[in-house]
Amino acid sequence: MVGTWDNKDLVYCYAALNVTRGKLTTRLLEQPARIKQQTGQSKTRRLQVAFVAHLHDIARAYPAASHPEVVIIIDNAPWHQGPIVEEAMATLAHLRFYRLPSYSPQLNPIERFWRILRRRATHNRLFTTRSELRQTLRHNLCYYQSMRHKVLSLLESKRKKAKK
């Protein structure tokens, strides 16, 4: 008999990756298991609000005066769309979305980073508290923010092709 730790709390991580300089702009969002009961907001609505805050982080990191157009590659996740996101994009005119086709994560450069971050930060680890998970994620994000050459090498490396 093997005991397990039954913890359904999550920590969501938003990240924007500058593909030319390797700079990361990140935001963490804690997602307690019973969030809807606590706030009355759906998961999608809470993630949309966090995504809008992340868009504002990107706009601060890349102001319109020095970056007249910032293209953000996104997938078709429900929190990447909706009235609240459209309102934010109207106020942040220098930001522009490039939406990927459905079911094509291999086209998104950030997916390589997610894979490496998860492997480094969370695989084969048991976190007893959400704050411990958050701290580990922050530590690893800081590592990659200071080691931009490693982030850029992820983008330049050839993906392994699946064996047929």
C-alpha atoms as a PDB file:
ATOM      1  CA  MET A   1       0.000   0.000   0.000  1.00  0.00           C
ATOM      2  CA  VAL A   2       1.388   3.412  -1.015  1.00  0.00           C
ATOM      3  CA  GLY A   3       0.147   6.622   0.532  1.00  0.00           C
ATOM      4  CA  THR A   4      -0.399   9.717  -1.591  1.00  0.00           C
ATOM      5  CA  TRP A   5      -0.760  13.420  -0.940  1.00  0.00           C
ATOM      6  CA  ASP A   6      -4.183  14.513  -2.134  1.00  0.00           C
ATOM      7  CA  ASN A   7      -3.794  18.220  -2.897  1.00  0.00           C
ATOM      8  CA  LYS A   8      -5.780  19.699  -5.773  1.00  0.00           C
ATOM      9  CA  ASP A   9      -4.442  23.253  -5.406  1.00  0.00           C
ATOM     10  CA  LEU A  10      -2.627  24.590  -8.454  1.00  0.00           C
ATOM     11  CA  VAL A  11      -0.253  27.384  -9.348  1.00  0.00           C
ATOM     12  CA  TYR A  12      -0.707  28.747 -12.868  1.00  0.00           C
ATOM     13  CA  CYS A  13       2.212  30.426 -14.563  1.00  0.00           C
ATOM     14  CA  TYR A  14       1.880  33.001 -17.328  1.00  0.00           C
ATOM     15  CA  ALA A  15       5.029  33.776 -19.289  1.00  0.00           C
ATOM     16  CA  ALA A  16       5.934  35.839 -22.311  1.00  0.00           C
ATOM     17  CA  LEU A  17       9.194  34.988 -24.006  1.00  0.00           C
ATOM     18  CA  ASN A  18      11.130  37.480 -26.103  1.00  0.00           C
ATOM     19  CA  VAL A  19      12.409  35.171 -28.850  1.00  0.00           C
ATOM     20  CA  THR A  20      15.254  37.512 -29.849  1.00  0.00           C
ATOM     21  CA  ARG A  21      16.682  38.325 -26.399  1.00  0.00           C
ATOM     22  CA  GLY A  22      15.509  35.385 -24.265  1.00  0.00           C
ATOM     23  CA  LYS A  23      13.841  37.701 -21.737  1.00  0.00           C
ATOM     24  CA  LEU A  24      10.908  36.323 -19.757  1.00  0.00           C
ATOM     25  CA  THR A  25       7.968  38.299 -18.393  1.00  0.00           C
ATOM     26  CA  THR A  26       6.135  36.113 -15.881  1.00  0.00           C
ATOM     27  CA  ARG A  27       3.197  36.087 -13.496  1.00  0.00           C
ATOM     28  CA  LEU A  28       2.050  33.364 -11.082  1.00  0.00           C
ATOM     29  CA  LEU A  29      -1.561  32.769 -10.106  1.00  0.00           C
ATOM     30  CA  GLU A  30      -2.594  30.533  -7.266  1.00  0.00           C
ATOM     31  CA  GLN A  31      -5.673  28.450  -7.899  1.00  0.00           C
ATOM     32  CA  PRO A  32      -7.098  26.879  -4.749  1.00  0.00           C
ATOM     33  CA  ALA A  33      -9.223  23.816  -5.385  1.00  0.00           C
ATOM     34  CA  ARG A  34     -12.412  25.479  -4.135  1.00  0.00           C
ATOM     35  CA  ILE A  35     -11.953  28.885  -5.788  1.00  0.00           C
ATOM     36  CA  LYS A  36     -15.450  29.121  -7.258  1.00  0.00           C
ATOM     37  CA  GLN A  37     -16.983  28.622  -3.834  1.00  0.00           C
ATOM     38  CA  GLN A  38     -14.692  31.295  -2.370  1.00  0.00           C
ATOM     39  CA  THR A  39     -15.012  34.029  -5.027  1.00  0.00           C
ATOM     40  CA  GLY A  40     -18.048  33.133  -7.120  1.00  0.00           C
ATOM     41  CA  GLN A  41     -15.883  33.411 -10.267  1.00  0.00           C
ATOM     42  CA  SER A  42     -15.476  30.587 -12.730  1.00  0.00           C
ATOM     43  CA  LYS A  43     -12.021  29.227 -13.453  1.00  0.00           C
ATOM     44  CA  THR A  44     -12.087  30.764 -16.948  1.00  0.00           C
ATOM     45  CA  ARG A  45     -13.041  34.202 -15.618  1.00  0.00           C
ATOM     46  CA  ARG A  46     -10.289  34.114 -12.982  1.00  0.00           C
ATOM     47  CA  LEU A  47      -7.728  33.059 -15.600  1.00  0.00           C
ATOM     48  CA  GLN A  48      -8.923  35.810 -17.972  1.00  0.00           C
ATOM     49  CA  VAL A  49      -8.410  38.422 -15.250  1.00  0.00           C
ATOM     50  CA  ALA A  50      -4.900  37.080 -14.602  1.00  0.00           C
ATOM     51  CA  PHE A  51      -4.166  37.039 -18.345  1.00  0.00           C
ATOM     52  CA  VAL A  52      -5.204  40.697 -18.630  1.00  0.00           C
ATOM     53  CA  ALA A  53      -2.871  41.534 -15.728  1.00  0.00           C
ATOM     54  CA  HIS A  54      -0.135  39.634 -17.571  1.00  0.00           C
ATOM     55  CA  LEU A  55      -0.828  41.680 -20.727  1.00  0.00           C
ATOM     56  CA  HIS A  56      -0.322  44.826 -18.661  1.00  0.00           C
ATOM     57  CA  ASP A  57       2.980  43.368 -17.390  1.00  0.00           C
ATOM     58  CA  ILE A  58       4.066  42.829 -20.997  1.00  0.00           C
ATOM     59  CA  ALA A  59       3.020  46.370 -21.935  1.00  0.00           C
ATOM     60  CA  ARG A  60       5.140  47.755 -19.068  1.00  0.00           C
ATOM     61  CA  ALA A  61       8.132  45.612 -20.079  1.00  0.00           C
ATOM     62  CA  TYR A  62       7.767  46.679 -23.736  1.00  0.00           C
ATOM     63  CA  PRO A  63       6.367  50.249 -23.766  1.00  0.00           C
ATOM     64  CA  ALA A  64       4.836  51.590 -26.977  1.00  0.00           C
ATOM     65  CA  ALA A  65       7.407  54.409 -27.180  1.00  0.00           C
ATOM     66  CA  SER A  66      10.287  51.971 -27.737  1.00  0.00           C
ATOM     67  CA  HIS A  67       8.338  48.959 -29.061  1.00  0.00           C
ATOM     68  CA  PRO A  68       5.649  50.167 -31.512  1.00  0.00           C
ATOM     69  CA  GLU A  69       4.413  46.616 -32.162  1.00  0.00           C
ATOM     70  CA  VAL A  70       4.659  43.632 -29.835  1.00  0.00           C
ATOM     71  CA  VAL A  71       3.364  40.364 -31.260  1.00  0.00           C
ATOM     72  CA  ILE A  72       2.171  37.804 -28.722  1.00  0.00           C
ATOM     73  CA  ILE A  73       1.757  34.227 -29.930  1.00  0.00           C
ATOM     74  CA  ILE A  74      -1.172  32.566 -28.169  1.00  0.00           C
ATOM     75  CA  ASP A  75      -3.236  29.428 -28.512  1.00  0.00           C
ATOM     76  CA  ASN A  76      -7.015  29.219 -28.410  1.00  0.00           C
ATOM     77  CA  ALA A  77      -7.387  28.763 -24.656  1.00  0.00           C
ATOM     78  CA  PRO A  78     -10.657  30.191 -23.305  1.00  0.00           C
ATOM     79  CA  TRP A  79      -8.803  32.684 -21.089  1.00  0.00           C
ATOM     80  CA  HIS A  80      -7.045  34.195 -24.146  1.00  0.00           C
ATOM     81  CA  GLN A  81     -10.358  35.561 -25.400  1.00  0.00           C
ATOM     82  CA  GLY A  82     -13.518  37.216 -24.188  1.00  0.00           C
ATOM     83  CA  PRO A  83     -14.779  40.733 -23.515  1.00  0.00           C
ATOM     84  CA  ILE A  84     -12.315  41.490 -20.721  1.00  0.00           C
ATOM     85  CA  VAL A  85      -9.359  40.522 -22.936  1.00  0.00           C
ATOM     86  CA  GLU A  86     -10.732  42.523 -25.881  1.00  0.00           C
ATOM     87  CA  GLU A  87     -11.110  45.603 -23.656  1.00  0.00           C
ATOM     88  CA  ALA A  88      -7.513  45.285 -22.481  1.00  0.00           C
ATOM     89  CA  MET A  89      -6.223  44.875 -26.025  1.00  0.00           C
ATOM     90  CA  ALA A  90      -8.094  48.029 -27.062  1.00  0.00           C
ATOM     91  CA  THR A  91      -6.223  50.029 -24.407  1.00  0.00           C
ATOM     92  CA  LEU A  92      -2.879  48.365 -25.165  1.00  0.00           C
ATOM     93  CA  ALA A  93      -2.824  49.221 -28.856  1.00  0.00           C
ATOM     94  CA  HIS A  94       0.815  48.286 -29.464  1.00  0.00           C
ATOM     95  CA  LEU A  95       0.169  44.675 -28.420  1.00  0.00           C
ATOM     96  CA  ARG A  96      -1.104  42.326 -31.097  1.00  0.00           C
ATOM     97  CA  PHE A  97      -2.112  38.673 -30.930  1.00  0.00           C
ATOM     98  CA  TYR A  98      -0.985  36.025 -33.370  1.00  0.00           C
ATOM     99  CA  ARG A  99      -3.341  33.106 -32.799  1.00  0.00           C
ATOM    100  CA  LEU A 100      -2.070  29.640 -33.576  1.00  0.00           C
ATOM    101  CA  PRO A 101      -4.253  27.027 -35.251  1.00  0.00           C
ATOM    102  CA  SER A 102      -6.032  24.614 -32.927  1.00  0.00           C
ATOM    103  CA  TYR A 103      -4.031  21.657 -31.636  1.00  0.00           C
ATOM    104  CA  SER A 104      -0.634  22.976 -32.737  1.00  0.00           C
ATOM    105  CA  PRO A 105       1.473  23.508 -29.613  1.00  0.00           C
ATOM    106  CA  GLN A 106       4.591  22.553 -31.576  1.00  0.00           C
ATOM    107  CA  LEU A 107       4.344  25.940 -33.351  1.00  0.00           C
ATOM    108  CA  ASN A 108       4.527  27.919 -30.116  1.00  0.00           C
ATOM    109  CA  PRO A 109       8.107  28.681 -28.973  1.00  0.00           C
ATOM    110  CA  ILE A 110       7.068  28.960 -25.304  1.00  0.00           C
ATOM    111  CA  GLU A 111       6.064  25.275 -25.255  1.00  0.00           C
ATOM    112  CA  ARG A 112       9.743  24.238 -25.319  1.00  0.00           C
ATOM    113  CA  PHE A 113      10.334  26.447 -22.311  1.00  0.00           C
ATOM    114  CA  TRP A 114       7.329  24.979 -20.453  1.00  0.00           C
ATOM    115  CA  ARG A 115       8.656  21.475 -20.994  1.00  0.00           C
ATOM    116  CA  ILE A 116      12.097  22.330 -19.599  1.00  0.00           C
ATOM    117  CA  LEU A 117      10.666  24.368 -16.705  1.00  0.00           C
ATOM    118  CA  ARG A 118       8.348  21.551 -15.635  1.00  0.00           C
ATOM    119  CA  ARG A 119      11.177  19.022 -15.857  1.00  0.00           C
ATOM    120  CA  ARG A 120      13.501  21.221 -13.788  1.00  0.00           C
ATOM    121  CA  ALA A 121      10.978  22.519 -11.241  1.00  0.00           C
ATOM    122  CA  THR A 122       8.225  19.984 -10.655  1.00  0.00           C
ATOM    123  CA  HIS A 123       8.950  16.511 -12.028  1.00  0.00           C
ATOM    124  CA  ASN A 124       9.558  13.815  -9.428  1.00  0.00           C
ATOM    125  CA  ARG A 125       8.903  16.209  -6.569  1.00  0.00           C
ATOM    126  CA  LEU A 126       6.261  16.165  -3.873  1.00  0.00           C
ATOM    127  CA  PHE A 127       5.168  19.573  -2.645  1.00  0.00           C
ATOM    128  CA  THR A 128       3.431  19.499   0.702  1.00  0.00           C
ATOM    129  CA  THR A 129       2.130  23.057   0.390  1.00  0.00           C
ATOM    130  CA  ARG A 130       1.122  25.370  -2.413  1.00  0.00           C
ATOM    131  CA  SER A 131       3.590  27.985  -1.152  1.00  0.00           C
ATOM    132  CA  GLU A 132       6.419  25.452  -1.519  1.00  0.00           C
ATOM    133  CA  LEU A 133       5.405  24.864  -5.145  1.00  0.00           C
ATOM    134  CA  ARG A 134       5.138  28.617  -5.777  1.00  0.00           C
ATOM    135  CA  GLN A 135       8.580  29.210  -4.252  1.00  0.00           C
ATOM    136  CA  THR A 136      10.142  26.488  -6.423  1.00  0.00           C
ATOM    137  CA  LEU A 137       8.530  27.923  -9.548  1.00  0.00           C
ATOM    138  CA  ARG A 138       9.727  31.445  -8.712  1.00  0.00           C
ATOM    139  CA  HIS A 139      13.239  30.204  -8.032  1.00  0.00           C
ATOM    140  CA  ASN A 140      13.383  28.386 -11.374  1.00  0.00           C
ATOM    141  CA  LEU A 141      11.846  31.309 -13.283  1.00  0.00           C
ATOM    142  CA  CYS A 142      14.490  33.606 -11.763  1.00  0.00           C
ATOM    143  CA  TYR A 143      17.150  31.138 -12.841  1.00  0.00           C
ATOM    144  CA  TYR A 144      15.970  31.240 -16.446  1.00  0.00           C
ATOM    145  CA  GLN A 145      15.535  35.030 -16.353  1.00  0.00           C
ATOM    146  CA  SER A 146      19.194  35.350 -15.399  1.00  0.00           C
ATOM    147  CA  MET A 147      20.359  32.629 -17.806  1.00  0.00           C
ATOM    148  CA  ARG A 148      18.913  34.018 -21.041  1.00  0.00           C
ATOM    149  CA  HIS A 149      21.424  32.134 -23.171  1.00  0.00           C
ATOM    150  CA  LYS A 150      19.866  28.859 -21.951  1.00  0.00           C
ATOM    151  CA  VAL A 151      16.404  30.064 -22.949  1.00  0.00           C
ATOM    152  CA  LEU A 152      17.665  31.099 -26.382  1.00  0.00           C
ATOM    153  CA  SER A 153      19.396  27.727 -26.848  1.00  0.00           C
ATOM    154  CA  LEU A 154      16.005  26.038 -26.286  1.00  0.00           C
ATOM    155  CA  LEU A 155      14.575  28.015 -29.170  1.00  0.00           C
ATOM    156  CA  GLU A 156      17.493  27.287 -31.478  1.00  0.00           C
ATOM    157  CA  SER A 157      17.718  23.552 -30.790  1.00  0.00           C
ATOM    158  CA  LYS A 158      16.121  21.161 -33.220  1.00  0.00           C
ATOM    159  CA  ARG A 159      13.144  19.256 -31.886  1.00  0.00           C
ATOM    160  CA  LYS A 160      13.468  15.504 -31.749  1.00  0.00           C
ATOM    161  CA  LYS A 161      11.247  13.890 -34.319  1.00  0.00           C
ATOM    162  CA  ALA A 162       8.902  11.165 -33.189  1.00  0.00           C
ATOM    163  CA  LYS A 163       9.828   7.678 -34.353  1.00  0.00           C
ATOM    164  CA  LYS A 164       7.384   6.152 -36.775  1.00  0.00           C
END
